[in-house]
Protein backbone atom coordinates (compact mmCIF):
# COMPACT_ATOMS: atom_id res chain seq x y z
CA UNK A 1 39.37 -54.11 59.80
CA UNK A 2 37.82 -55.97 61.95
CA UNK A 3 34.79 -53.96 61.85
CA UNK A 4 34.53 -54.09 58.12
CA UNK A 5 34.79 -58.13 58.36
CA UNK A 6 31.78 -58.37 60.89
CA UNK A 7 29.31 -55.76 59.11
CA UNK A 8 30.63 -58.38 55.98
CA UNK A 9 29.45 -61.31 58.08
CA UNK A 10 26.08 -59.39 59.31
CA UNK A 11 24.99 -58.42 56.15
CA UNK A 12 25.36 -62.31 54.55
CA UNK A 13 23.53 -63.34 57.79
CA UNK A 14 20.77 -60.84 56.59
CA UNK A 15 21.34 -61.98 52.70
CA UNK A 16 20.51 -65.29 54.15
CA UNK A 17 17.79 -64.82 55.83
CA UNK A 18 15.73 -63.06 52.93
CA UNK A 19 16.61 -65.64 50.46
CA UNK A 20 15.13 -68.31 53.29
CA UNK A 21 12.02 -66.38 53.81
CA UNK A 22 11.05 -66.22 50.01
CA UNK A 23 12.03 -69.86 49.52
CA UNK A 24 9.49 -69.84 52.11
CA UNK A 25 6.76 -67.68 50.12
CA UNK A 26 7.78 -69.50 46.58
CA UNK A 27 7.94 -73.54 47.74
CA UNK A 28 4.96 -75.25 47.16
CA UNK A 29 3.28 -77.21 50.60
CA UNK A 30 4.22 -80.90 50.59
CA UNK A 31 0.93 -82.72 51.19
CA UNK A 32 3.52 -85.68 53.70
CA UNK A 33 0.23 -87.41 54.40
CA UNK A 34 -0.75 -87.64 51.38
CA UNK A 35 2.45 -88.96 49.81
CA UNK A 36 3.48 -91.38 52.54
CA UNK A 37 -0.35 -92.94 52.55
CA UNK A 38 0.57 -93.36 48.32
CA UNK A 39 3.24 -94.53 48.83
CA UNK A 40 1.83 -97.35 51.72
CA UNK A 41 -0.57 -98.54 49.41
CA UNK A 42 0.96 -99.01 46.30
CA UNK A 43 3.71 -101.04 48.32
CA UNK A 44 1.61 -102.79 49.51
CA UNK A 45 -0.42 -103.63 46.84
CA UNK A 46 2.83 -105.06 45.18
CA UNK A 47 4.15 -107.43 48.13
CA UNK A 48 0.22 -108.51 48.29
CA UNK A 49 0.96 -109.76 44.57
CA UNK A 50 3.61 -111.29 45.33
CA UNK A 51 2.21 -112.83 48.57
CA UNK A 52 -0.46 -114.46 46.03
CA UNK A 53 1.39 -115.51 43.84
CA UNK A 54 4.12 -117.68 46.10
CA UNK A 55 0.34 -118.84 47.30
CA UNK A 56 -0.31 -119.89 43.68
CA UNK A 57 2.71 -121.28 43.34
CA UNK A 58 2.71 -122.84 46.57
CA UNK A 59 0.00 -125.23 45.80
CA UNK A 60 1.96 -126.82 44.14
CA UNK A 61 5.64 -126.53 44.65
CA UNK A 62 7.34 -126.70 47.82
CA UNK A 63 8.43 -124.17 49.59
CA UNK A 64 11.90 -122.90 48.27
CA UNK A 65 10.89 -123.14 45.19
CA UNK A 66 7.52 -121.09 45.74
CA UNK A 67 9.70 -118.37 46.67
CA UNK A 68 11.80 -118.49 43.88
CA UNK A 69 9.20 -118.63 41.19
CA UNK A 70 7.32 -115.54 43.32
CA UNK A 71 10.92 -113.30 43.05
CA UNK A 72 11.05 -114.34 39.31
CA UNK A 73 8.08 -113.27 38.66
CA UNK A 74 7.98 -110.01 40.14
CA UNK A 75 11.07 -108.98 38.49
CA UNK A 76 10.05 -109.82 35.62
CA UNK A 77 6.72 -108.30 35.85
CA UNK A 78 8.28 -105.02 37.12
CA UNK A 79 11.12 -105.79 34.15
CA UNK A 80 8.08 -105.44 32.03
CA UNK A 81 6.24 -102.53 33.08
CA UNK A 82 9.75 -100.88 33.01
CA UNK A 83 10.65 -101.34 29.31
CA UNK A 84 6.25 -100.37 28.88
CA UNK A 85 6.88 -97.15 30.74
CA UNK A 86 4.24 -98.14 33.10
CA UNK A 87 6.10 -98.50 36.41
CA UNK A 88 8.58 -94.75 36.08
CA UNK A 89 4.87 -93.83 35.66
CA UNK A 90 3.68 -95.61 38.94
CA UNK A 91 6.98 -94.26 40.33
CA UNK A 92 5.91 -90.99 40.12
CA UNK A 93 2.96 -91.81 41.90
CA UNK A 94 3.90 -93.72 44.13
CA UNK A 95 7.23 -92.44 45.47
CA UNK A 96 9.26 -94.69 47.78
CA UNK A 97 6.48 -97.46 48.04
CA UNK A 98 7.77 -99.11 44.74
CA UNK A 99 11.53 -98.89 44.61
CA UNK A 100 11.42 -101.00 48.17
CA UNK A 101 10.41 -103.70 46.97
CA UNK A 102 12.62 -106.09 44.87
CA UNK A 103 10.79 -104.79 41.79
CA UNK A 104 12.06 -101.20 42.59
CA UNK A 105 15.48 -102.32 42.19
CA UNK A 106 14.79 -104.89 38.96
CA UNK A 107 13.26 -101.59 37.96
CA UNK A 108 16.13 -99.70 38.54
CA UNK A 109 18.56 -102.41 36.35
CA UNK A 110 16.32 -102.55 33.45
CA UNK A 111 15.77 -98.26 33.17
CA UNK A 112 19.58 -98.62 33.47
CA UNK A 113 20.49 -100.95 30.86
CA UNK A 114 17.11 -99.45 28.72
CA UNK A 115 19.28 -95.85 29.02
CA UNK A 116 23.05 -97.11 28.11
CA UNK A 117 21.88 -99.40 24.83
CA UNK A 118 22.81 -97.59 22.06
CA UNK A 119 26.48 -97.35 23.46
CA UNK A 120 26.82 -101.14 23.24
CA UNK A 121 26.38 -104.56 25.32
CA UNK A 122 29.37 -105.06 26.84
CA UNK A 123 30.43 -101.18 27.36
CA UNK A 124 26.53 -99.24 27.69
CA UNK A 125 24.97 -101.97 28.65
CA UNK A 126 26.72 -104.07 31.35
CA UNK A 127 29.18 -101.70 32.61
CA UNK A 128 26.25 -99.67 33.90
CA UNK A 129 24.13 -102.20 35.23
CA UNK A 130 26.55 -103.11 36.98
CA UNK A 131 27.75 -100.16 38.63
CA UNK A 132 24.34 -99.77 39.92
CA UNK A 133 23.97 -103.20 41.41
CA UNK A 134 27.56 -102.81 43.07
CA UNK A 135 26.78 -100.54 45.26
CA UNK A 136 22.98 -101.59 45.84
CA UNK A 137 24.84 -105.09 46.30
CA UNK A 138 27.54 -103.76 49.15
CA UNK A 139 25.18 -102.21 51.01
CA UNK A 140 22.73 -105.49 51.43
CA UNK A 141 26.20 -107.29 52.51
CA UNK A 142 27.21 -104.15 54.49
CA UNK A 143 23.51 -104.72 56.71
CA UNK A 144 24.12 -108.14 56.36
CA UNK A 145 27.52 -107.90 58.47
CA UNK A 146 26.15 -105.93 60.64
CA UNK A 147 22.95 -107.82 61.82
CA UNK A 148 24.58 -111.14 61.93
CA UNK A 149 26.82 -108.90 64.25
CA UNK A 150 23.90 -107.16 66.50
CA UNK A 151 22.60 -110.59 66.78
CA UNK A 152 25.12 -112.27 68.33
CA UNK A 153 26.02 -109.88 70.28
CA UNK A 154 22.21 -109.96 71.74
CA UNK A 155 22.35 -114.04 71.87
CA UNK A 156 25.87 -113.62 74.17
CA UNK A 157 24.80 -110.73 76.28
CA UNK A 158 21.54 -111.80 76.69
CA UNK A 159 22.28 -115.86 76.82
């Protein structure tokens, strides 16, 4: 009986190795360097635009108001581009480079609202938007707590 189990295990391993070999031959090779470069450039351009907006606002407003208006402008631009379908194309091209800045969060919120608008304002849009935002906010708060603990312990240990 044990020999049958051993043969069955060996047979499964042979099948798994054949599947792995078949996958290697059929999967397209990923262009990692090209994808990383596109993500870096698009994310950098988004951040550069944010910095340009900040500098323009900073000529007329205080630092705090410049920060606020820059974020508002980036979020509004992302939401409008998402509504027009342009930001999704940018995301397909740039991958992670378009979702890391705050514009990516605005894109995901707007996309969620657009997809669920047929279910109604309260049950559709607000429910789905807050489902998405909740996980992001919880993650941000947890990372803030962890960072604060690390900084505090670093100050205590290093003096």
